[in-house]
Amino acid sequence: MEPLSLIAGLLPLIVEGGKAAISRWVATDNFKPATVADYLAIRKADLDLFAAVSTAGGTNPSYLWVEAVVRLMRPSVAMLALGTWAYQHVSGVADTAAVDQFAQAVGFYLFADRTLFYARQGLKK
């Protein structure tokens, strides 16, 4: 495995470890809501943040087909990269190092990021 790919794969874990260390030793005073109104205000702010992230780049006044193409770019690039990777390995192409590295990046984007997200949610419980 390429050292750069290994670092790219472990970088999110290192970042999460750094965040955990900072939250433990530097930011020890976490806000805890005292009333239901405070809790609801926090949850509303979270909901507003998720709504803003969800609609980012998707509410432009444009043609519907342009917006659909923009939203389908990431999945189509991921399918193209993984399809190329699979084809090269099935057909027996000799040099697949560059495609392997790109497929690793796409695979991390598709699977490891969500796995890390759910693992982090499990640790909070």
C-alpha atoms as a PDB file:
ATOM      1  CA  MET A   1       0.000   0.000   0.000  1.00  0.00           C
ATOM      2  CA  GLU A   2       1.192   3.462  -0.865  1.00  0.00           C
ATOM      3  CA  PRO A   3       2.223   5.558   2.204  1.00  0.00           C
ATOM      4  CA  LEU A   4       0.157   8.524   1.012  1.00  0.00           C
ATOM      5  CA  SER A   5      -2.948   6.323   0.735  1.00  0.00           C
ATOM      6  CA  LEU A   6      -2.320   4.969   4.214  1.00  0.00           C
ATOM      7  CA  ILE A   7      -2.021   8.486   5.633  1.00  0.00           C
ATOM      8  CA  ALA A   8      -5.183   9.567   3.788  1.00  0.00           C
ATOM      9  CA  GLY A   9      -7.027   6.590   5.226  1.00  0.00           C
ATOM     10  CA  LEU A  10      -5.895   7.235   8.790  1.00  0.00           C
ATOM     11  CA  LEU A  11      -6.188  11.029   8.696  1.00  0.00           C
ATOM     12  CA  PRO A  12      -9.880  11.142   9.755  1.00  0.00           C
ATOM     13  CA  LEU A  13      -9.095   8.976  12.778  1.00  0.00           C
ATOM     14  CA  ILE A  14      -6.212  11.276  13.707  1.00  0.00           C
ATOM     15  CA  VAL A  15      -8.457  14.329  13.348  1.00  0.00           C
ATOM     16  CA  GLU A  16     -11.156  12.756  15.523  1.00  0.00           C
ATOM     17  CA  GLY A  17      -8.536  11.859  18.131  1.00  0.00           C
ATOM     18  CA  GLY A  18      -7.312  15.461  18.128  1.00  0.00           C
ATOM     19  CA  LYS A  19     -10.866  16.733  18.543  1.00  0.00           C
ATOM     20  CA  ALA A  20     -11.431  14.337  21.434  1.00  0.00           C
ATOM     21  CA  ALA A  21      -8.213  15.459  23.140  1.00  0.00           C
ATOM     22  CA  ILE A  22      -9.112  19.121  22.723  1.00  0.00           C
ATOM     23  CA  SER A  23     -12.632  18.598  24.021  1.00  0.00           C
ATOM     24  CA  ARG A  24     -11.324  16.657  27.010  1.00  0.00           C
ATOM     25  CA  TRP A  25      -8.505  18.913  28.172  1.00  0.00           C
ATOM     26  CA  VAL A  26      -9.180  22.312  26.642  1.00  0.00           C
ATOM     27  CA  ALA A  27     -12.939  22.690  26.303  1.00  0.00           C
ATOM     28  CA  THR A  28     -14.143  20.939  29.427  1.00  0.00           C
ATOM     29  CA  ASP A  29     -17.089  23.299  30.030  1.00  0.00           C
ATOM     30  CA  ASN A  30     -19.735  21.836  27.737  1.00  0.00           C
ATOM     31  CA  PHE A  31     -23.047  23.625  27.501  1.00  0.00           C
ATOM     32  CA  LYS A  32     -25.839  21.646  29.072  1.00  0.00           C
ATOM     33  CA  PRO A  33     -29.330  23.052  28.628  1.00  0.00           C
ATOM     34  CA  ALA A  34     -31.063  23.959  31.861  1.00  0.00           C
ATOM     35  CA  THR A  35     -34.577  24.153  30.452  1.00  0.00           C
ATOM     36  CA  VAL A  36     -36.582  22.508  27.725  1.00  0.00           C
ATOM     37  CA  ALA A  37     -36.586  25.816  25.818  1.00  0.00           C
ATOM     38  CA  ASP A  38     -32.765  25.820  25.774  1.00  0.00           C
ATOM     39  CA  TYR A  39     -32.735  22.234  24.510  1.00  0.00           C
ATOM     40  CA  LEU A  40     -35.259  23.026  21.794  1.00  0.00           C
ATOM     41  CA  ALA A  41     -33.218  26.059  20.719  1.00  0.00           C
ATOM     42  CA  ILE A  42     -30.116  23.869  20.359  1.00  0.00           C
ATOM     43  CA  ARG A  43     -32.003  21.255  18.352  1.00  0.00           C
ATOM     44  CA  LYS A  44     -33.523  23.974  16.115  1.00  0.00           C
ATOM     45  CA  ALA A  45     -30.024  25.331  15.439  1.00  0.00           C
ATOM     46  CA  ASP A  46     -28.879  21.793  14.517  1.00  0.00           C
ATOM     47  CA  LEU A  47     -31.880  21.380  12.221  1.00  0.00           C
ATOM     48  CA  ASP A  48     -31.158  24.731  10.541  1.00  0.00           C
ATOM     49  CA  LEU A  49     -27.531  23.677  10.025  1.00  0.00           C
ATOM     50  CA  PHE A  50     -28.557  20.349   8.453  1.00  0.00           C
ATOM     51  CA  ALA A  51     -31.110  22.113   6.226  1.00  0.00           C
ATOM     52  CA  ALA A  52     -28.471  24.585   5.060  1.00  0.00           C
ATOM     53  CA  VAL A  53     -25.997  21.800   4.277  1.00  0.00           C
ATOM     54  CA  SER A  54     -28.677  19.770   2.513  1.00  0.00           C
ATOM     55  CA  THR A  55     -29.774  22.600   0.241  1.00  0.00           C
ATOM     56  CA  ALA A  56     -26.302  23.989  -0.474  1.00  0.00           C
ATOM     57  CA  GLY A  57     -25.854  24.307  -4.196  1.00  0.00           C
ATOM     58  CA  GLY A  58     -29.302  22.926  -4.929  1.00  0.00           C
ATOM     59  CA  THR A  59     -31.550  25.958  -4.736  1.00  0.00           C
ATOM     60  CA  ASN A  60     -30.077  27.949  -7.582  1.00  0.00           C
ATOM     61  CA  PRO A  61     -32.623  29.299 -10.059  1.00  0.00           C
ATOM     62  CA  SER A  62     -31.817  27.070 -12.984  1.00  0.00           C
ATOM     63  CA  TYR A  63     -33.273  24.414 -15.221  1.00  0.00           C
ATOM     64  CA  LEU A  64     -34.302  21.259 -13.421  1.00  0.00           C
ATOM     65  CA  TRP A  65     -32.117  19.048 -15.618  1.00  0.00           C
ATOM     66  CA  VAL A  66     -29.032  21.152 -14.793  1.00  0.00           C
ATOM     67  CA  GLU A  67     -29.701  20.763 -11.096  1.00  0.00           C
ATOM     68  CA  ALA A  68     -30.201  17.002 -11.535  1.00  0.00           C
ATOM     69  CA  VAL A  69     -26.903  16.674 -13.414  1.00  0.00           C
ATOM     70  CA  VAL A  70     -25.061  18.613 -10.718  1.00  0.00           C
ATOM     71  CA  ARG A  71     -26.499  16.406  -7.981  1.00  0.00           C
ATOM     72  CA  LEU A  72     -25.629  13.203  -9.884  1.00  0.00           C
ATOM     73  CA  MET A  73     -21.991  14.110 -10.516  1.00  0.00           C
ATOM     74  CA  ARG A  74     -20.566  12.535  -7.370  1.00  0.00           C
ATOM     75  CA  PRO A  75     -22.321   9.157  -7.696  1.00  0.00           C
ATOM     76  CA  SER A  76     -21.523   8.932 -11.404  1.00  0.00           C
ATOM     77  CA  VAL A  77     -17.833   9.724 -10.845  1.00  0.00           C
ATOM     78  CA  ALA A  78     -17.724   7.146  -8.040  1.00  0.00           C
ATOM     79  CA  MET A  79     -19.359   4.495 -10.236  1.00  0.00           C
ATOM     80  CA  LEU A  80     -17.015   5.314 -13.120  1.00  0.00           C
ATOM     81  CA  ALA A  81     -13.928   5.070 -10.889  1.00  0.00           C
ATOM     82  CA  LEU A  82     -14.992   1.800  -9.264  1.00  0.00           C
ATOM     83  CA  GLY A  83     -16.091   0.379 -12.619  1.00  0.00           C
ATOM     84  CA  THR A  84     -12.722   1.232 -14.160  1.00  0.00           C
ATOM     85  CA  TRP A  85     -10.973  -0.350 -11.181  1.00  0.00           C
ATOM     86  CA  ALA A  86     -13.035  -3.542 -11.496  1.00  0.00           C
ATOM     87  CA  TYR A  87     -12.522  -3.719 -15.267  1.00  0.00           C
ATOM     88  CA  GLN A  88      -8.761  -3.344 -14.966  1.00  0.00           C
ATOM     89  CA  HIS A  89      -8.510  -6.100 -12.393  1.00  0.00           C
ATOM     90  CA  VAL A  90     -10.813  -8.466 -14.278  1.00  0.00           C
ATOM     91  CA  SER A  91      -9.103  -7.892 -17.635  1.00  0.00           C
ATOM     92  CA  GLY A  92      -5.633  -8.423 -16.171  1.00  0.00           C
ATOM     93  CA  VAL A  93      -4.051  -5.061 -16.961  1.00  0.00           C
ATOM     94  CA  ALA A  94      -0.510  -5.096 -15.601  1.00  0.00           C
ATOM     95  CA  ASP A  95      -0.193  -1.641 -14.039  1.00  0.00           C
ATOM     96  CA  THR A  96      -3.167  -0.734 -11.853  1.00  0.00           C
ATOM     97  CA  ALA A  97      -1.473   1.309  -9.120  1.00  0.00           C
ATOM     98  CA  ALA A  98      -2.947   4.698 -10.060  1.00  0.00           C
ATOM     99  CA  VAL A  99      -6.452   3.309 -10.474  1.00  0.00           C
ATOM    100  CA  ASP A 100      -6.117   1.410  -7.194  1.00  0.00           C
ATOM    101  CA  GLN A 101      -5.255   4.610  -5.351  1.00  0.00           C
ATOM    102  CA  PHE A 102      -8.151   6.519  -6.896  1.00  0.00           C
ATOM    103  CA  ALA A 103     -10.525   3.655  -6.064  1.00  0.00           C
ATOM    104  CA  GLN A 104      -9.234   3.740  -2.463  1.00  0.00           C
ATOM    105  CA  ALA A 105     -10.126   7.421  -2.226  1.00  0.00           C
ATOM    106  CA  VAL A 106     -13.577   6.807  -3.678  1.00  0.00           C
ATOM    107  CA  GLY A 107     -14.120   3.810  -1.401  1.00  0.00           C
ATOM    108  CA  PHE A 108     -13.203   5.869   1.621  1.00  0.00           C
ATOM    109  CA  TYR A 109     -15.588   8.594   0.510  1.00  0.00           C
ATOM    110  CA  LEU A 110     -18.408   6.080   0.114  1.00  0.00           C
ATOM    111  CA  PHE A 111     -17.906   3.786   3.082  1.00  0.00           C
ATOM    112  CA  ALA A 112     -15.340   4.814   5.677  1.00  0.00           C
ATOM    113  CA  ASP A 113     -16.681   8.322   6.177  1.00  0.00           C
ATOM    114  CA  ARG A 114     -20.145   6.978   7.073  1.00  0.00           C
ATOM    115  CA  THR A 115     -18.603   4.245   9.224  1.00  0.00           C
ATOM    116  CA  LEU A 116     -16.610   6.837  11.129  1.00  0.00           C
ATOM    117  CA  PHE A 117     -19.747   8.970  11.541  1.00  0.00           C
ATOM    118  CA  TYR A 118     -21.758   6.078  13.002  1.00  0.00           C
ATOM    119  CA  ALA A 119     -18.875   4.991  15.220  1.00  0.00           C
ATOM    120  CA  ARG A 120     -18.637   8.522  16.584  1.00  0.00           C
ATOM    121  CA  GLN A 121     -22.408   8.511  17.257  1.00  0.00           C
ATOM    122  CA  GLY A 122     -22.044   5.186  19.084  1.00  0.00           C
ATOM    123  CA  LEU A 123     -19.279   6.552  21.296  1.00  0.00           C
ATOM    124  CA  LYS A 124     -21.473   9.477  22.372  1.00  0.00           C
ATOM    125  CA  LYS A 125     -24.129   7.138  23.813  1.00  0.00           C
END
